[in-house]
C-alpha atoms as a PDB file:
ATOM      1  CA  MET A   1     -33.252 -21.681  21.897  1.00  0.00           C
ATOM      2  CA  LYS A   2     -34.083 -20.203  18.501  1.00  0.00           C
ATOM      3  CA  ASP A   3     -32.790 -16.714  17.811  1.00  0.00           C
ATOM      4  CA  LEU A   4     -35.244 -15.622  15.135  1.00  0.00           C
ATOM      5  CA  SER A   5     -33.906 -12.062  15.258  1.00  0.00           C
ATOM      6  CA  LEU A   6     -31.109 -13.258  12.938  1.00  0.00           C
ATOM      7  CA  LEU A   7     -33.712 -13.582  10.190  1.00  0.00           C
ATOM      8  CA  ASP A   8     -34.386  -9.840  10.399  1.00  0.00           C
ATOM      9  CA  THR A   9     -30.803  -8.628  10.680  1.00  0.00           C
ATOM     10  CA  ARG A  10     -28.827 -10.827   8.269  1.00  0.00           C
ATOM     11  CA  ASN A  11     -28.934 -11.958   4.661  1.00  0.00           C
ATOM     12  CA  PHE A  12     -27.237 -15.326   5.209  1.00  0.00           C
ATOM     13  CA  LEU A  13     -27.010 -17.938   7.972  1.00  0.00           C
ATOM     14  CA  THR A  14     -24.332 -20.537   8.684  1.00  0.00           C
ATOM     15  CA  THR A  15     -25.151 -24.229   8.485  1.00  0.00           C
ATOM     16  CA  ALA A  16     -25.041 -24.416  12.309  1.00  0.00           C
ATOM     17  CA  GLU A  17     -27.561 -21.580  12.595  1.00  0.00           C
ATOM     18  CA  VAL A  18     -29.878 -23.247  10.064  1.00  0.00           C
ATOM     19  CA  ALA A  19     -29.585 -26.563  11.932  1.00  0.00           C
ATOM     20  CA  GLU A  20     -30.686 -24.851  15.149  1.00  0.00           C
ATOM     21  CA  ILE A  21     -33.221 -22.298  13.886  1.00  0.00           C
ATOM     22  CA  VAL A  22     -34.923 -24.208  11.072  1.00  0.00           C
ATOM     23  CA  PHE A  23     -34.499 -27.844  12.083  1.00  0.00           C
ATOM     24  CA  ASP A  24     -34.473 -27.446  15.897  1.00  0.00           C
ATOM     25  CA  GLY A  25     -31.176 -29.330  16.063  1.00  0.00           C
ATOM     26  CA  HIS A  26     -32.790 -32.458  14.558  1.00  0.00           C
ATOM     27  CA  MET A  27     -30.646 -32.303  11.417  1.00  0.00           C
ATOM     28  CA  SER A  28     -26.873 -32.445  11.598  1.00  0.00           C
ATOM     29  CA  ILE A  29     -24.553 -29.951   9.941  1.00  0.00           C
ATOM     30  CA  THR A  30     -23.141 -32.852   7.924  1.00  0.00           C
ATOM     31  CA  THR A  31     -26.603 -33.652   6.543  1.00  0.00           C
ATOM     32  CA  ILE A  32     -27.225 -29.995   5.731  1.00  0.00           C
ATOM     33  CA  ASN A  33     -23.873 -29.823   3.892  1.00  0.00           C
ATOM     34  CA  SER A  34     -24.817 -32.992   1.988  1.00  0.00           C
ATOM     35  CA  LEU A  35     -28.140 -31.434   0.941  1.00  0.00           C
ATOM     36  CA  ILE A  36     -26.279 -28.302  -0.168  1.00  0.00           C
ATOM     37  CA  LYS A  37     -23.902 -30.427  -2.255  1.00  0.00           C
ATOM     38  CA  ARG A  38     -26.896 -32.226  -3.855  1.00  0.00           C
ATOM     39  CA  GLY A  39     -28.513 -28.869  -4.688  1.00  0.00           C
ATOM     40  CA  LYS A  40     -31.472 -29.321  -2.311  1.00  0.00           C
ATOM     41  CA  ILE A  41     -30.517 -26.341  -0.141  1.00  0.00           C
ATOM     42  CA  PRO A  42     -29.292 -23.126  -1.806  1.00  0.00           C
ATOM     43  CA  SER A  43     -26.043 -21.639  -0.552  1.00  0.00           C
ATOM     44  CA  GLU A  44     -23.180 -19.307  -1.263  1.00  0.00           C
ATOM     45  CA  ARG A  45     -19.621 -20.327  -0.557  1.00  0.00           C
ATOM     46  CA  LEU A  46     -17.366 -17.996   1.445  1.00  0.00           C
ATOM     47  CA  GLY A  47     -13.986 -19.604   1.946  1.00  0.00           C
ATOM     48  CA  HIS A  48     -14.734 -22.958   3.564  1.00  0.00           C
ATOM     49  CA  LYS A  49     -18.190 -21.934   4.814  1.00  0.00           C
ATOM     50  CA  ASN A  50     -21.540 -22.561   3.201  1.00  0.00           C
ATOM     51  CA  LEU A  51     -23.867 -19.637   3.838  1.00  0.00           C
ATOM     52  CA  ILE A  52     -27.575 -20.230   3.404  1.00  0.00           C
ATOM     53  CA  PRO A  53     -29.856 -17.355   2.355  1.00  0.00           C
ATOM     54  CA  VAL A  54     -32.317 -16.130   4.956  1.00  0.00           C
ATOM     55  CA  TRP A  55     -35.160 -16.409   2.420  1.00  0.00           C
ATOM     56  CA  PHE A  56     -34.609 -20.183   2.409  1.00  0.00           C
ATOM     57  CA  ALA A  57     -34.728 -20.346   6.213  1.00  0.00           C
ATOM     58  CA  ARG A  58     -37.993 -18.370   6.205  1.00  0.00           C
ATOM     59  CA  LYS A  59     -39.445 -20.672   3.528  1.00  0.00           C
ATOM     60  CA  MET A  60     -38.505 -23.759   5.544  1.00  0.00           C
ATOM     61  CA  LEU A  61     -40.000 -22.324   8.746  1.00  0.00           C
ATOM     62  CA  GLU A  62     -43.245 -21.549   6.906  1.00  0.00           C
ATOM     63  CA  SER A  63     -43.402 -25.089   5.475  1.00  0.00           C
ATOM     64  CA  GLY A  64     -42.560 -26.809   8.735  1.00  0.00           C
ATOM     65  CA  GLY A  65     -38.839 -27.276   8.064  1.00  0.00           C
ATOM     66  CA  LYS A  66     -39.081 -30.014   5.451  1.00  0.00           C
ATOM     67  CA  PRO A  67     -36.794 -29.511   2.430  1.00  0.00           C
ATOM     68  CA  ASP A  68     -37.437 -31.551  -0.714  1.00  0.00           C
ATOM     69  CA  ILE A  69     -34.772 -34.213  -0.274  1.00  0.00           C
ATOM     70  CA  SER A  70     -36.140 -36.758  -2.735  1.00  0.00           C
ATOM     71  CA  LYS A  71     -33.530 -38.234  -5.058  1.00  0.00           C
ATOM     72  CA  ASN A  72     -35.650 -37.617  -8.172  1.00  0.00           C
ATOM     73  CA  SER A  73     -35.945 -33.856  -7.906  1.00  0.00           C
END
């Protein structure tokens, strides 16, 4: 179940939270980390964790949860 209250109370989300909230569990954490590494999903690094800005999660929810994952962009 999506906990959208996190979008109002935090500035960053973990990759697991983004997988659940934005992609309804249909995208793996490994794929999200790969997209972060390719520069398709913005993130900040804190130790070994990638933290994704809430603004990105909101943008993805508004656009239907489809990041631009094309190889050319």
